[in-house]
């Protein structure tokens, strides 16, 4: 399994920040597969660039900071004639 598929599987439940993704990955499969942040964040960026993920800025914390949440992009309907 590639890191890309593992990240998509994690994100199917709910939108998450990069931090949430990293922690969820550690809790779920770290005992068999180690993926450090230095692999996770670049792969998330590639996946967004490839159109697989969508990121949205959301308010976070008491001081009005913003963080990105990431979720899988819905599959686009295929256009066909029929």
Protein backbone atom coordinates (compact mmCIF):
# COMPACT_ATOMS: atom_id res chain seq x y z
CA UNK A 1 0.00 0.00 0.00
CA UNK A 2 1.26 3.46 -0.78
CA UNK A 3 1.24 6.40 1.60
CA UNK A 4 -1.23 8.10 -0.73
CA UNK A 5 -3.85 5.37 -0.24
CA UNK A 6 -3.30 5.33 3.51
CA UNK A 7 -3.87 9.09 3.70
CA UNK A 8 -7.03 8.90 1.61
CA UNK A 9 -8.32 6.14 3.91
CA UNK A 10 -7.70 8.34 6.96
CA UNK A 11 -9.43 11.31 5.36
CA UNK A 12 -12.60 9.48 4.34
CA UNK A 13 -13.94 9.78 7.89
CA UNK A 14 -13.73 13.55 8.27
CA UNK A 15 -11.69 16.57 7.20
CA UNK A 16 -8.46 16.86 9.21
CA UNK A 17 -5.53 19.20 9.66
CA UNK A 18 -2.06 17.96 8.81
CA UNK A 19 -1.42 17.58 12.54
CA UNK A 20 -4.57 15.46 12.95
CA UNK A 21 -3.57 13.31 9.99
CA UNK A 22 -0.09 12.73 11.38
CA UNK A 23 -1.44 11.78 14.82
CA UNK A 24 -4.14 9.51 13.37
CA UNK A 25 -1.57 7.80 11.20
CA UNK A 26 0.65 7.24 14.24
CA UNK A 27 -2.21 5.79 16.29
CA UNK A 28 -3.54 3.53 13.57
CA UNK A 29 -0.64 1.96 11.71
CA UNK A 30 2.61 3.17 13.26
CA UNK A 31 3.24 -0.25 14.75
CA UNK A 32 3.68 -1.67 11.22
CA UNK A 33 4.43 1.38 9.08
CA UNK A 34 6.33 4.50 10.08
CA UNK A 35 5.67 7.62 8.04
CA UNK A 36 7.25 10.76 9.48
CA UNK A 37 5.85 14.24 8.91
CA UNK A 38 8.60 14.76 6.33
CA UNK A 39 6.78 12.19 4.16
CA UNK A 40 3.17 12.98 5.08
CA UNK A 41 3.09 16.73 4.40
CA UNK A 42 4.78 16.60 0.96
CA UNK A 43 2.44 13.76 -0.07
CA UNK A 44 -0.59 15.79 1.04
CA UNK A 45 0.68 18.71 -1.08
CA UNK A 46 1.14 16.43 -4.11
CA UNK A 47 -2.31 14.95 -3.64
CA UNK A 48 -3.89 18.40 -3.51
CA UNK A 49 -1.94 19.48 -6.60
CA UNK A 50 -3.13 16.30 -8.38
CA UNK A 51 -6.75 17.17 -7.56
CA UNK A 52 -7.33 14.35 -5.07
CA UNK A 53 -7.73 16.56 -1.99
CA UNK A 54 -9.28 19.88 -1.12
CA UNK A 55 -7.95 22.16 1.61
CA UNK A 56 -10.01 24.84 3.33
CA UNK A 57 -8.79 27.46 5.80
CA UNK A 58 -10.73 27.32 9.08
CA UNK A 59 -10.51 29.37 12.29
CA UNK A 60 -8.47 27.71 15.01
CA UNK A 61 -7.76 28.64 18.59
CA UNK A 62 -8.66 31.63 20.71
CA UNK A 63 -6.54 34.16 18.82
CA UNK A 64 -8.29 33.72 15.49
CA UNK A 65 -5.50 31.80 13.83
CA UNK A 66 -6.31 29.75 10.78
CA UNK A 67 -5.42 26.19 9.86
CA UNK A 68 -6.05 24.17 6.75
CA UNK A 69 -8.32 21.17 6.90
CA UNK A 70 -7.95 18.60 4.17
CA UNK A 71 -10.54 16.22 2.78
CA UNK A 72 -10.84 14.00 -0.29
CA UNK A 73 -12.23 15.77 -3.33
CA UNK A 74 -15.55 14.27 -4.41
CA UNK A 75 -15.35 12.24 -7.59
CA UNK A 76 -16.53 14.26 -10.54
CA UNK A 77 -19.31 12.74 -12.59
CA UNK A 78 -18.18 11.40 -15.91
CA UNK A 79 -19.69 13.05 -18.90
CA UNK A 80 -21.00 10.57 -21.32
CA UNK A 81 -23.59 10.48 -23.98
CA UNK A 82 -26.36 8.06 -23.58
